[in-house]
Amino acid sequence: MWKDKSPGVKILWVWTIGTAAVLVANVATSRVRDMNKILNAQDEPSSSLSANDNNDNNPQGVDTIITDDHVMDSSSLDTEK
């Protein structure tokens, strides 16, 4: 079958398949890069939280909870029920 085709058609097929391969590789690379960015972004808050826990940013030892209305101490949770 390929013996019947002209050299120009063969070159066009090689060009088309090569272009498709480059595009597929580019899409795959960009998706892997985006997934790595998402995973790194998820890791950063957890690592910053552990760093904050080590620094003891809460010197009074009072746990606070931020709600939509206001900030509450953990001791005031028992009284508001």
PDB file of N, CA and C in Angstrom:
ATOM      1  N   MET A   1       0.815  -1.184   0.000  1.00  0.00           N
ATOM      2  CA  MET A   1       0.000   0.000   0.000  1.00  0.00           C
ATOM      3  C   MET A   1       0.872   1.266   0.000  1.00  0.00           C
ATOM      4  N   TRP A   2       1.924   1.270   0.846  1.00  0.00           N
ATOM      5  CA  TRP A   2       2.773   2.470   0.912  1.00  0.00           C
ATOM      6  C   TRP A   2       3.626   2.633  -0.350  1.00  0.00           C
ATOM      7  N   LYS A   3       3.822   1.518  -1.066  1.00  0.00           N
ATOM      8  CA  LYS A   3       4.612   1.601  -2.297  1.00  0.00           C
ATOM      9  C   LYS A   3       3.872   2.384  -3.380  1.00  0.00           C
ATOM     10  N   ASP A   4       2.530   2.378  -3.287  1.00  0.00           N
ATOM     11  CA  ASP A   4       1.722   3.077  -4.292  1.00  0.00           C
ATOM     12  C   ASP A   4       1.657   4.577  -4.037  1.00  0.00           C
ATOM     13  N   LYS A   5       1.935   5.013  -2.819  1.00  0.00           N
ATOM     14  CA  LYS A   5       1.798   6.431  -2.465  1.00  0.00           C
ATOM     15  C   LYS A   5       3.022   7.222  -2.906  1.00  0.00           C
ATOM     16  N   SER A   6       2.773   8.460  -3.214  1.00  0.00           N
ATOM     17  CA  SER A   6       3.876   9.335  -3.618  1.00  0.00           C
ATOM     18  C   SER A   6       4.681   9.750  -2.393  1.00  0.00           C
ATOM     19  N   PRO A   7       5.931  10.177  -2.603  1.00  0.00           N
ATOM     20  CA  PRO A   7       6.754  10.602  -1.459  1.00  0.00           C
ATOM     21  C   PRO A   7       6.151  11.797  -0.708  1.00  0.00           C
ATOM     22  N   GLY A   8       5.454  12.676  -1.405  1.00  0.00           N
ATOM     23  CA  GLY A   8       4.839  13.828  -0.738  1.00  0.00           C
ATOM     24  C   GLY A   8       3.776  13.417   0.261  1.00  0.00           C
ATOM     25  N   VAL A   9       2.957  12.432  -0.106  1.00  0.00           N
ATOM     26  CA  VAL A   9       1.899  11.943   0.806  1.00  0.00           C
ATOM     27  C   VAL A   9       2.532  11.260   2.009  1.00  0.00           C
ATOM     28  N   LYS A  10       3.592  10.518   1.786  1.00  0.00           N
ATOM     29  CA  LYS A  10       4.285   9.854   2.895  1.00  0.00           C
ATOM     30  C   LYS A  10       4.844  10.891   3.875  1.00  0.00           C
ATOM     31  N   ILE A  11       5.428  11.944   3.331  1.00  0.00           N
ATOM     32  CA  ILE A  11       5.980  13.012   4.175  1.00  0.00           C
ATOM     33  C   ILE A  11       4.868  13.689   4.964  1.00  0.00           C
ATOM     34  N   LEU A  12       3.733  13.922   4.313  1.00  0.00           N
ATOM     35  CA  LEU A  12       2.606  14.543   5.028  1.00  0.00           C
ATOM     36  C   LEU A  12       2.093  13.652   6.162  1.00  0.00           C
ATOM     37  N   TRP A  13       2.034  12.341   5.941  1.00  0.00           N
ATOM     38  CA  TRP A  13       1.600  11.439   7.012  1.00  0.00           C
ATOM     39  C   TRP A  13       2.595  11.444   8.176  1.00  0.00           C
ATOM     40  N   VAL A  14       3.879  11.407   7.851  1.00  0.00           N
ATOM     41  CA  VAL A  14       4.894  11.449   8.915  1.00  0.00           C
ATOM     42  C   VAL A  14       4.793  12.764   9.676  1.00  0.00           C
ATOM     43  N   TRP A  15       4.610  13.869   8.951  1.00  0.00           N
ATOM     44  CA  TRP A  15       4.473  15.180   9.571  1.00  0.00           C
ATOM     45  C   TRP A  15       3.248  15.216  10.488  1.00  0.00           C
ATOM     46  N   THR A  16       2.125  14.680  10.021  1.00  0.00           N
ATOM     47  CA  THR A  16       0.879  14.683  10.791  1.00  0.00           C
ATOM     48  C   THR A  16       1.008  13.845  12.060  1.00  0.00           C
ATOM     49  N   ILE A  17       1.550  12.652  11.925  1.00  0.00           N
ATOM     50  CA  ILE A  17       1.701  11.772  13.096  1.00  0.00           C
ATOM     51  C   ILE A  17       2.709  12.352  14.075  1.00  0.00           C
ATOM     52  N   GLY A  18       3.781  12.943  13.582  1.00  0.00           N
ATOM     53  CA  GLY A  18       4.773  13.578  14.461  1.00  0.00           C
ATOM     54  C   GLY A  18       4.194  14.758  15.206  1.00  0.00           C
ATOM     55  N   THR A  19       3.395  15.584  14.507  1.00  0.00           N
ATOM     56  CA  THR A  19       2.762  16.735  15.152  1.00  0.00           C
ATOM     57  C   THR A  19       1.791  16.278  16.232  1.00  0.00           C
ATOM     58  N   ALA A  20       1.012  15.235  15.932  1.00  0.00           N
ATOM     59  CA  ALA A  20       0.078  14.702  16.927  1.00  0.00           C
ATOM     60  C   ALA A  20       0.828  14.178  18.153  1.00  0.00           C
ATOM     61  N   ALA A  21       1.951  13.528  17.944  1.00  0.00           N
ATOM     62  CA  ALA A  21       2.734  13.003  19.065  1.00  0.00           C
ATOM     63  C   ALA A  21       3.281  14.134  19.931  1.00  0.00           C
ATOM     64  N   VAL A  22       3.739  15.209  19.284  1.00  0.00           N
ATOM     65  CA  VAL A  22       4.255  16.353  20.046  1.00  0.00           C
ATOM     66  C   VAL A  22       3.136  17.004  20.850  1.00  0.00           C
ATOM     67  N   LEU A  23       1.964  17.150  20.253  1.00  0.00           N
ATOM     68  CA  LEU A  23       0.839  17.766  20.968  1.00  0.00           C
ATOM     69  C   LEU A  23       0.387  16.914  22.151  1.00  0.00           C
ATOM     70  N   VAL A  24       0.320  15.607  21.959  1.00  0.00           N
ATOM     71  CA  VAL A  24      -0.075  14.714  23.061  1.00  0.00           C
ATOM     72  C   VAL A  24       0.958  14.775  24.188  1.00  0.00           C
ATOM     73  N   ALA A  25       2.220  14.789  23.836  1.00  0.00           N
ATOM     74  CA  ALA A  25       3.265  14.873  24.855  1.00  0.00           C
ATOM     75  C   ALA A  25       3.204  16.202  25.598  1.00  0.00           C
ATOM     76  N   ASN A  26       2.901  17.285  24.875  1.00  0.00           N
ATOM     77  CA  ASN A  26       2.796  18.602  25.497  1.00  0.00           C
ATOM     78  C   ASN A  26       1.629  18.649  26.475  1.00  0.00           C
ATOM     79  N   VAL A  27       0.490  18.099  26.096  1.00  0.00           N
ATOM     80  CA  VAL A  27      -0.673  18.075  26.984  1.00  0.00           C
ATOM     81  C   VAL A  27      -0.381  17.230  28.211  1.00  0.00           C
ATOM     82  N   ALA A  28       0.234  16.076  28.016  1.00  0.00           N
ATOM     83  CA  ALA A  28       0.551  15.205  29.150  1.00  0.00           C
ATOM     84  C   ALA A  28       1.524  15.884  30.108  1.00  0.00           C
ATOM     85  N   THR A  29       2.530  16.565  29.559  1.00  0.00           N
ATOM     86  CA  THR A  29       3.501  17.256  30.401  1.00  0.00           C
ATOM     87  C   THR A  29       2.854  18.383  31.194  1.00  0.00           C
ATOM     88  N   SER A  30       1.989  19.146  30.536  1.00  0.00           N
ATOM     89  CA  SER A  30       1.344  20.258  31.244  1.00  0.00           C
ATOM     90  C   SER A  30       0.395  19.755  32.324  1.00  0.00           C
ATOM     91  N   ARG A  31      -0.279  18.641  32.084  1.00  0.00           N
ATOM     92  CA  ARG A  31      -1.175  18.096  33.117  1.00  0.00           C
ATOM     93  C   ARG A  31      -0.395  17.573  34.310  1.00  0.00           C
ATOM     94  N   VAL A  32       0.732  16.944  34.054  1.00  0.00           N
ATOM     95  CA  VAL A  32       1.571  16.467  35.159  1.00  0.00           C
ATOM     96  C   VAL A  32       2.109  17.658  35.951  1.00  0.00           C
ATOM     97  N   ARG A  33       2.513  18.725  35.252  1.00  0.00           N
ATOM     98  CA  ARG A  33       3.017  19.929  35.916  1.00  0.00           C
ATOM     99  C   ARG A  33       1.923  20.568  36.773  1.00  0.00           C
ATOM    100  N   ASP A  34       0.700  20.649  36.226  1.00  0.00           N
ATOM    101  CA  ASP A  34      -0.406  21.219  36.991  1.00  0.00           C
ATOM    102  C   ASP A  34      -0.731  20.363  38.215  1.00  0.00           C
ATOM    103  N   MET A  35      -0.685  19.047  38.065  1.00  0.00           N
ATOM    104  CA  MET A  35      -0.962  18.165  39.193  1.00  0.00           C
ATOM    105  C   MET A  35       0.102  18.334  40.272  1.00  0.00           C
ATOM    106  N   ASN A  36       1.353  18.491  39.871  1.00  0.00           N
ATOM    107  CA  ASN A  36       2.414  18.724  40.852  1.00  0.00           C
ATOM    108  C   ASN A  36       2.221  20.039  41.574  1.00  0.00           C
ATOM    109  N   LYS A  37       1.765  21.080  40.856  1.00  0.00           N
ATOM    110  CA  LYS A  37       1.497  22.365  41.508  1.00  0.00           C
ATOM    111  C   LYS A  37       0.382  22.229  42.522  1.00  0.00           C
ATOM    112  N   ILE A  38      -0.668  21.483  42.179  1.00  0.00           N
ATOM    113  CA  ILE A  38      -1.787  21.295  43.109  1.00  0.00           C
ATOM    114  C   ILE A  38      -1.322  20.534  44.337  1.00  0.00           C
ATOM    115  N   LEU A  39      -0.548  19.480  44.132  1.00  0.00           N
ATOM    116  CA  LEU A  39      -0.061  18.698  45.273  1.00  0.00           C
ATOM    117  C   LEU A  39       0.876  19.513  46.153  1.00  0.00           C
ATOM    118  N   ASN A  40       1.726  20.335  45.540  1.00  0.00           N
ATOM    119  CA  ASN A  40       2.627  21.180  46.324  1.00  0.00           C
ATOM    120  C   ASN A  40       1.852  22.248  47.077  1.00  0.00           C
ATOM    121  N   ALA A  41       0.789  22.767  46.471  1.00  0.00           N
ATOM    122  CA  ALA A  41      -0.027  23.774  47.150  1.00  0.00           C
ATOM    123  C   ALA A  41      -0.756  23.165  48.338  1.00  0.00           C
ATOM    124  N   GLN A  42      -1.146  21.907  48.231  1.00  0.00           N
ATOM    125  CA  GLN A  42      -1.804  21.242  49.359  1.00  0.00           C
ATOM    126  C   GLN A  42      -0.810  20.928  50.461  1.00  0.00           C
ATOM    127  N   ASP A  43       0.432  20.656  50.112  1.00  0.00           N
ATOM    128  CA  ASP A  43       1.446  20.340  51.114  1.00  0.00           C
ATOM    129  C   ASP A  43       1.899  21.577  51.874  1.00  0.00           C
ATOM    130  N   GLU A  44       1.904  22.745  51.238  1.00  0.00           N
ATOM    131  CA  GLU A  44       2.387  23.964  51.883  1.00  0.00           C
ATOM    132  C   GLU A  44       1.560  24.367  53.099  1.00  0.00           C
ATOM    133  N   PRO A  45       0.220  24.371  53.047  1.00  0.00           N
ATOM    134  CA  PRO A  45      -0.522  24.745  54.257  1.00  0.00           C
ATOM    135  C   PRO A  45      -0.299  23.774  55.408  1.00  0.00           C
ATOM    136  N   SER A  46      -0.184  22.493  55.129  1.00  0.00           N
ATOM    137  CA  SER A  46       0.028  21.549  56.219  1.00  0.00           C
ATOM    138  C   SER A  46       1.416  21.724  56.823  1.00  0.00           C
ATOM    139  N   SER A  47       2.414  22.039  55.990  1.00  0.00           N
ATOM    140  CA  SER A  47       3.749  22.251  56.535  1.00  0.00           C
ATOM    141  C   SER A  47       3.818  23.571  57.299  1.00  0.00           C
ATOM    142  N   SER A  48       3.074  24.581  56.857  1.00  0.00           N
ATOM    143  CA  SER A  48       3.073  25.847  57.582  1.00  0.00           C
ATOM    144  C   SER A  48       2.319  25.714  58.899  1.00  0.00           C
ATOM    145  N   LEU A  49       1.286  24.866  58.928  1.00  0.00           N
ATOM    146  CA  LEU A  49       0.574  24.634  60.180  1.00  0.00           C
ATOM    147  C   LEU A  49       1.477  23.930  61.185  1.00  0.00           C
ATOM    148  N   SER A  50       2.240  22.973  60.740  1.00  0.00           N
ATOM    149  CA  SER A  50       3.126  22.285  61.668  1.00  0.00           C
ATOM    150  C   SER A  50       4.231  23.227  62.144  1.00  0.00           C
ATOM    151  N   ALA A  51       4.668  24.142  61.289  1.00  0.00           N
ATOM    152  CA  ALA A  51       5.669  25.117  61.705  1.00  0.00           C
ATOM    153  C   ALA A  51       5.081  26.077  62.731  1.00  0.00           C
ATOM    154  N   ASN A  52       3.821  26.460  62.563  1.00  0.00           N
ATOM    155  CA  ASN A  52       3.166  27.343  63.524  1.00  0.00           C
ATOM    156  C   ASN A  52       2.968  26.645  64.860  1.00  0.00           C
ATOM    157  N   ASP A  53       2.690  25.340  64.831  1.00  0.00           N
ATOM    158  CA  ASP A  53       2.531  24.609  66.079  1.00  0.00           C
ATOM    159  C   ASP A  53       3.849  24.559  66.854  1.00  0.00           C
ATOM    160  N   ASN A  54       4.950  24.478  66.132  1.00  0.00           N
ATOM    161  CA  ASN A  54       6.245  24.431  66.796  1.00  0.00           C
ATOM    162  C   ASN A  54       6.631  25.778  67.380  1.00  0.00           C
ATOM    163  N   ASN A  55       6.115  26.873  66.825  1.00  0.00           N
ATOM    164  CA  ASN A  55       6.466  28.206  67.303  1.00  0.00           C
ATOM    165  C   ASN A  55       5.649  28.642  68.501  1.00  0.00           C
ATOM    166  N   ASP A  56       4.605  27.925  68.838  1.00  0.00           N
ATOM    167  CA  ASP A  56       3.716  28.283  69.951  1.00  0.00           C
ATOM    168  C   ASP A  56       3.198  29.716  69.796  1.00  0.00           C
ATOM    169  N   ASN A  57       2.430  29.949  68.749  1.00  0.00           N
ATOM    170  CA  ASN A  57       1.853  31.268  68.521  1.00  0.00           C
ATOM    171  C   ASN A  57       0.743  31.589  69.505  1.00  0.00           C
ATOM    172  N   ASN A  58       0.318  30.640  70.291  1.00  0.00           N
ATOM    173  CA  ASN A  58      -0.759  30.829  71.251  1.00  0.00           C
ATOM    174  C   ASN A  58      -0.171  30.726  72.657  1.00  0.00           C
ATOM    175  N   PRO A  59       0.376  31.821  73.208  1.00  0.00           N
ATOM    176  CA  PRO A  59       1.092  31.718  74.476  1.00  0.00           C
ATOM    177  C   PRO A  59       0.184  31.437  75.666  1.00  0.00           C
ATOM    178  N   GLN A  60      -1.090  31.797  75.588  1.00  0.00           N
ATOM    179  CA  GLN A  60      -1.977  31.555  76.720  1.00  0.00           C
ATOM    180  C   GLN A  60      -2.413  30.103  76.808  1.00  0.00           C
ATOM    181  N   GLY A  61      -2.253  29.349  75.733  1.00  0.00           N
ATOM    182  CA  GLY A  61      -2.693  27.968  75.742  1.00  0.00           C
ATOM    183  C   GLY A  61      -4.191  27.846  75.535  1.00  0.00           C
ATOM    184  N   VAL A  62      -4.842  28.892  75.052  1.00  0.00           N
ATOM    185  CA  VAL A  62      -6.279  28.874  74.827  1.00  0.00           C
ATOM    186  C   VAL A  62      -6.518  28.553  73.360  1.00  0.00           C
ATOM    187  N   ASP A  63      -7.326  27.533  73.128  1.00  0.00           N
ATOM    188  CA  ASP A  63      -7.674  27.189  71.756  1.00  0.00           C
ATOM    189  C   ASP A  63      -8.816  28.083  71.300  1.00  0.00           C
ATOM    190  N   THR A  64      -8.673  28.692  70.134  1.00  0.00           N
ATOM    191  CA  THR A  64      -9.728  29.549  69.608  1.00  0.00           C
ATOM    192  C   THR A  64     -10.330  28.918  68.369  1.00  0.00           C
ATOM    193  N   ILE A  65     -11.607  29.168  68.184  1.00  0.00           N
ATOM    194  CA  ILE A  65     -12.325  28.671  67.022  1.00  0.00           C
ATOM    195  C   ILE A  65     -12.915  29.874  66.309  1.00  0.00           C
ATOM    196  N   ILE A  66     -12.649  29.984  65.035  1.00  0.00           N
ATOM    197  CA  ILE A  66     -13.175  31.092  64.246  1.00  0.00           C
ATOM    198  C   ILE A  66     -14.454  30.618  63.572  1.00  0.00           C
ATOM    199  N   THR A  67     -15.551  31.279  63.869  1.00  0.00           N
ATOM    200  CA  THR A  67     -16.825  30.953  63.241  1.00  0.00           C
ATOM    201  C   THR A  67     -17.229  32.097  62.328  1.00  0.00           C
ATOM    202  N   ASP A  68     -18.396  31.986  61.716  1.00  0.00           N
ATOM    203  CA  ASP A  68     -18.866  33.043  60.834  1.00  0.00           C
ATOM    204  C   ASP A  68     -19.190  34.312  61.623  1.00  0.00           C
ATOM    205  N   ASP A  69     -19.625  34.166  62.863  1.00  0.00           N
ATOM    206  CA  ASP A  69     -20.064  35.320  63.646  1.00  0.00           C
ATOM    207  C   ASP A  69     -18.909  35.995  64.381  1.00  0.00           C
ATOM    208  N   HIS A  70     -18.156  35.237  65.140  1.00  0.00           N
ATOM    209  CA  HIS A  70     -17.101  35.835  65.947  1.00  0.00           C
ATOM    210  C   HIS A  70     -16.111  34.756  66.381  1.00  0.00           C
ATOM    211  N   VAL A  71     -15.078  35.152  67.095  1.00  0.00           N
ATOM    212  CA  VAL A  71     -14.062  34.231  67.587  1.00  0.00           C
ATOM    213  C   VAL A  71     -14.442  33.820  69.001  1.00  0.00           C
ATOM    214  N   MET A  72     -14.399  32.516  69.267  1.00  0.00           N
ATOM    215  CA  MET A  72     -14.758  31.999  70.582  1.00  0.00           C
ATOM    216  C   MET A  72     -13.588  31.276  71.188  1.00  0.00           C
ATOM    217  N   ASP A  73     -13.467  31.316  72.471  1.00  0.00           N
ATOM    218  CA  ASP A  73     -12.519  30.473  73.180  1.00  0.00           C
ATOM    219  C   ASP A  73     -13.141  29.098  73.354  1.00  0.00           C
ATOM    220  N   SER A  74     -12.304  28.094  73.513  1.00  0.00           N
ATOM    221  CA  SER A  74     -12.837  26.741  73.700  1.00  0.00           C
ATOM    222  C   SER A  74     -13.587  26.629  75.027  1.00  0.00           C
ATOM    223  N   SER A  75     -13.250  27.447  76.022  1.00  0.00           N
ATOM    224  CA  SER A  75     -13.962  27.389  77.288  1.00  0.00           C
ATOM    225  C   SER A  75     -15.360  27.981  77.170  1.00  0.00           C
ATOM    226  N   SER A  76     -15.576  28.903  76.235  1.00  0.00           N
ATOM    227  CA  SER A  76     -16.903  29.483  76.081  1.00  0.00           C
ATOM    228  C   SER A  76     -17.842  28.607  75.278  1.00  0.00           C
ATOM    229  N   LEU A  77     -17.313  27.541  74.660  1.00  0.00           N
ATOM    230  CA  LEU A  77     -18.177  26.636  73.919  1.00  0.00           C
ATOM    231  C   LEU A  77     -19.125  25.905  74.844  1.00  0.00           C
ATOM    232  N   ASP A  78     -18.667  25.538  76.025  1.00  0.00           N
ATOM    233  CA  ASP A  78     -19.513  24.812  76.970  1.00  0.00           C
ATOM    234  C   ASP A  78     -20.657  25.677  77.477  1.00  0.00           C
ATOM    235  N   THR A  79     -20.441  26.974  77.622  1.00  0.00           N
ATOM    236  CA  THR A  79     -21.470  27.849  78.160  1.00  0.00           C
ATOM    237  C   THR A  79     -22.508  28.244  77.127  1.00  0.00           C
ATOM    238  N   GLU A  80     -22.163  28.183  75.832  1.00  0.00           N
ATOM    239  CA  GLU A  80     -23.119  28.617  74.805  1.00  0.00           C
ATOM    240  C   GLU A  80     -24.029  27.511  74.336  1.00  0.00           C
ATOM    241  N   LYS A  81     -23.828  26.292  74.736  1.00  0.00           N
ATOM    242  CA  LYS A  81     -24.696  25.184  74.329  1.00  0.00           C
ATOM    243  C   LYS A  81     -25.996  25.333  74.989  1.00  0.00           C
TER     244      LYS A  81
END
